[in-house]
Amino acid sequence: MMNLLKQDIELLNQKGITEEMLRSQLSFFQKGIPPVVLAAPATTNDGIMVLTDIEKERCVSWFEMKKEELDIVKFVPASGAATRMFQSLFTFLKEFKPSEESFNAYVNRMMAPELQVFYVGFEKFPFYKNVERYIAEKLPEFNSLSDSWQKWHLANVLLDKGALNYSSLPKGLFPFHQYYDSIITAFEEHLYESALYAVSQQRARLHFTIAEEHLTLFQHKFNNVEKEISQKTAVEFSVQYSFQKQRTDTLAVTSDNIPFRDENQQLFFRPAGHGALLENLNEVQSDIVFIQNIDNVVMRRYEPTIAYYKKILAGKLLELQERSFKYVSQIDSGVIKKKELPELLEFLKELNVVVPTMVHKYTKKYMLEYVRRKLDRPIRVCGMVKNEGDPGGGPFWIKEEERWSLQIVESAQMDLENEEQRTIFKKATHFNPVDMVCGLKNYKGEKYNLPDFVNYNQAFITRKNYQGHVIKALELPGLWNGAMAHWNTIFVEVPLTTFNPVKTINDLLKPAHQPKNV
């Protein structure tokens, strides 16, 4: 074990990281983390449910009937900065020399067709008028400039710290949608959307995980729009914010697994990925939680479709949860008869629990203990979308110590150098859009302690660059990956129309983000 300096101990105390936690992190680097072993892709009717229209309507009705009795929260990871949306524009501003080459020559040289798309569609972006207004005030000579210089200035006005500086905004507060009377951010769209399903007693509760430095910006935006959105939706809003906890940061090491120190000789810790947000989710007090990323929103005319599928997922969760609660309650009351045991095992199959053959030979006592252990855990119902392009992270059956379980697995967790694993990966038919509903309480209404259900062996190690140094970083098991590995998991097919993320600026040109008349 490393020898800690006085300043190291002070830093650990400041972050809330114990020496035992530090040792555990170091051991992951030293021992390595084996990749997840894929057994098979989850496909329709083998891990992914395809509901009939009648079943969909039943789920919606069930949710509508039950929701007024429930505490409901919409949980939105929203700490991402808008910066990542503009990578090609940042490169353009740095590399393009308008006096020396044409715009088309640059696009061809850099193989950057996305820039052509950006400028052809420029007037369709919600920020277009703001850029135009700024240029009219600050760059009166703009119209006399060459096409190359005009394009350079448009990008510079958008991103430069001395101009509109949009790249410094959190993604949730970046202008996403243009309506006839206003420009709306992703944050506001989440409020409008939640009013269509995440409501109980005329109140919608939302929880955004954000970067601490953006808190004032989010609060200011909410204070400005709350009254108007409440009037338009006839819903009251309760919005909470939380930050990724410093105690979830992980130590970086050198290529030789020696703790890395920064230029001030301090141990260097990094945020450990979205798996760290399990701590935030664990503090949410509610019966069910909808989880959705900040950038997966649509124009309001599409929101009823989104809400319909959210209700389907929630209805399916409540239906399965009610049966699970009934069985656990009956086990605890001692009223289950031996002849009812096959019914319990059949229900486990509905929850995608692969029951080992030996369990069928158990005595009644041990079988009930097994069933109770499998049922008494959080439950999630996740939407899954058919792959349109290359497969990425998605739903798979995985194998651990000869036991199969249904999981959401990222490609970074897999051994894609292994031909057998690569073949399974390529057979994937669906991907994970991060569209899920979670049940966080047991049948007595007691909240589960979510860290109890994490598979910590699903952490993964990545290589990063820090000021010219190659370092190894430890990512905690992803929030919907290893952090929920020991939950009961149900996958339901949902249409591609429910998945409209904005990863690059050009995604805002897609129909789901454009006004109807465009």
Foldseek 3Di string as FASTA:
>chain_A
DDDDDPVQVVVCVVQVADVVNQVVLLVCVVVDFAFFFFDFFQDDVRFADADDPVLLVLLLVLQVVPVQVWQEEAEAAFAAFLQLQCVVLVVCLVPPDLVPDAPVVVCVVVVPCVLVLCVVCVVQFQCNVVLVVQCVVPPVCLVVDDPSVNSSSSSCQCCPPVHVNRRGGGQQPRFQFDDPVDTDGLVVLVVLLCLLARDHPLEYEYEYEHAPVCVVVVVVVCVVCQVVSCVVSVGHYHYHYHYQRSNQWHFWAAPVSHQDADPVRHGDTDRQAQQSCLVVVLPDQIFKYKYAYSQQGFPPVCSVQLNSVLSSQNSVVVVLQVVLQVLLVCLVVVNDDPVCLVVLVVSVVVLVFDDDPVLVVDDPVVNSVVSNVLSFFKEKEFEKEFDPDFFFFAWGWTADPNGTGIFTGGPQSHDCVDPVRVVSRRPHGIHGLSTMMMGQAHSVSHGDNQQVQADQSSKHWDWDADPNGIIIGIHGAHNRGRSNRSHRYHYYYDYPSSHQGSSHPSSSVDPRNGDPVD
